[in-house]
Amino acid sequence: MAEASNGQEAILKYNELQPDIVIMDLVMDDMDGVQTLRHLVHLFSGVKVIICSSLAKSSSIQECLSIGAKDFIIKPNFNNLVDVVDNVIN
């Protein structure tokens, strides 16, 4: 398990650790979550990203899913986080 404080760091850590899943917010320093998601999907085939954000307009949800996010969880509704992670991993 690892944590990144910004988009660039998230990309570097993903490259280093190759985790099974990434849970990421849209609000980050350096690069926002959408930019970071674009880079991750472009650089790493098979990356599994779940966006977890309070910025849950239907347009941002659709954008993330169309870029390649596997799911979108709206903060603070974490009730189904375990189920979402299980579904994405399997």
Protein backbone atom coordinates (compact mmCIF):
# COMPACT_ATOMS: atom_id res chain seq x y z
CA MET A 1 0.00 0.00 0.00
CA ALA A 2 1.25 3.48 -0.84
CA GLU A 3 0.06 7.04 -0.87
CA ALA A 4 0.86 9.89 -3.23
CA SER A 5 0.38 13.57 -2.53
CA ASN A 6 0.04 14.69 -6.16
CA GLY A 7 -0.48 13.40 -9.68
CA GLN A 8 3.19 13.17 -10.66
CA GLU A 9 3.98 11.21 -7.52
CA ALA A 10 1.02 8.91 -8.18
CA ILE A 11 2.38 8.05 -11.63
CA LEU A 12 5.89 7.43 -10.27
CA LYS A 13 4.58 5.25 -7.45
CA TYR A 14 2.35 3.29 -9.80
CA ASN A 15 5.34 2.64 -12.06
CA GLU A 16 7.44 1.54 -9.10
CA LEU A 17 4.88 -0.59 -7.24
CA GLN A 18 2.39 -1.73 -9.94
CA PRO A 19 -0.49 -2.07 -7.45
CA ASP A 20 -3.58 -4.11 -8.21
CA ILE A 21 -5.78 -1.04 -7.84
CA VAL A 22 -5.54 2.74 -7.50
CA ILE A 23 -8.08 4.76 -5.53
CA MET A 24 -7.71 8.41 -6.42
CA ASP A 25 -9.41 11.75 -5.82
CA LEU A 26 -9.97 14.33 -8.54
CA VAL A 27 -8.51 17.15 -6.45
CA MET A 28 -4.72 16.92 -6.31
CA ASP A 29 -1.80 19.28 -6.54
CA ASP A 30 0.41 19.37 -9.62
CA MET A 31 -2.00 17.47 -11.90
CA ASP A 32 -5.65 16.95 -11.13
CA GLY A 33 -7.20 13.51 -11.01
CA VAL A 34 -8.49 13.63 -14.59
CA GLN A 35 -5.03 14.48 -15.96
CA THR A 36 -3.43 11.83 -13.78
CA LEU A 37 -6.01 9.26 -14.87
CA ARG A 38 -5.28 10.08 -18.54
CA HIS A 39 -1.55 9.56 -17.98
CA LEU A 40 -1.99 6.33 -16.03
CA VAL A 41 -4.28 4.83 -18.67
CA HIS A 42 -1.94 5.92 -21.46
CA LEU A 43 1.24 4.67 -19.79
CA PHE A 44 0.05 1.46 -18.13
CA SER A 45 -2.28 -0.91 -19.92
CA GLY A 46 -4.48 -2.73 -17.47
CA VAL A 47 -4.32 -0.07 -14.75
CA LYS A 48 -7.41 -0.25 -12.54
CA VAL A 49 -8.44 3.13 -11.13
CA ILE A 50 -11.40 3.93 -8.93
CA ILE A 51 -12.10 7.64 -8.60
CA CYS A 52 -13.31 8.65 -5.17
CA SER A 53 -14.37 12.29 -5.05
CA SER A 54 -16.92 14.74 -3.75
CA LEU A 55 -16.81 16.47 -7.17
CA ALA A 56 -19.42 14.15 -8.54
CA LYS A 57 -21.17 15.98 -11.32
CA SER A 58 -22.53 13.59 -13.89
CA SER A 59 -20.20 15.14 -16.48
CA SER A 60 -17.09 14.47 -14.37
CA ILE A 61 -18.23 10.92 -13.63
CA GLN A 62 -18.83 10.23 -17.34
CA GLU A 63 -15.50 11.81 -18.30
CA CYS A 64 -13.58 9.63 -15.85
CA LEU A 65 -15.36 6.46 -16.92
CA SER A 66 -14.80 7.25 -20.60
CA ILE A 67 -11.09 7.83 -19.99
CA GLY A 68 -10.78 4.45 -18.31
CA ALA A 69 -11.68 4.64 -14.63
CA LYS A 70 -13.29 1.39 -13.53
CA ASP A 71 -15.73 3.06 -11.14
CA PHE A 72 -16.53 6.33 -9.37
CA ILE A 73 -17.41 6.56 -5.69
CA ILE A 74 -19.01 9.75 -4.45
CA LYS A 75 -17.57 10.98 -1.14
CA PRO A 76 -18.54 10.49 1.63
CA ASN A 77 -20.59 7.45 0.55
CA PHE A 78 -18.06 4.72 1.23
CA ASN A 79 -20.68 2.12 2.13
CA ASN A 80 -19.97 0.05 -0.96
CA LEU A 81 -16.20 0.62 -1.23
CA VAL A 82 -15.30 -3.00 -0.48
CA ASP A 83 -17.80 -4.28 -3.05
CA VAL A 84 -16.54 -1.83 -5.69
CA VAL A 85 -12.91 -2.84 -5.06
CA ASP A 86 -13.82 -6.55 -5.23
CA ASN A 87 -15.67 -6.03 -8.50
CA VAL A 88 -12.81 -4.09 -10.08
CA ILE A 89 -10.12 -6.53 -9.00
CA ASN A 90 -12.11 -9.54 -10.17
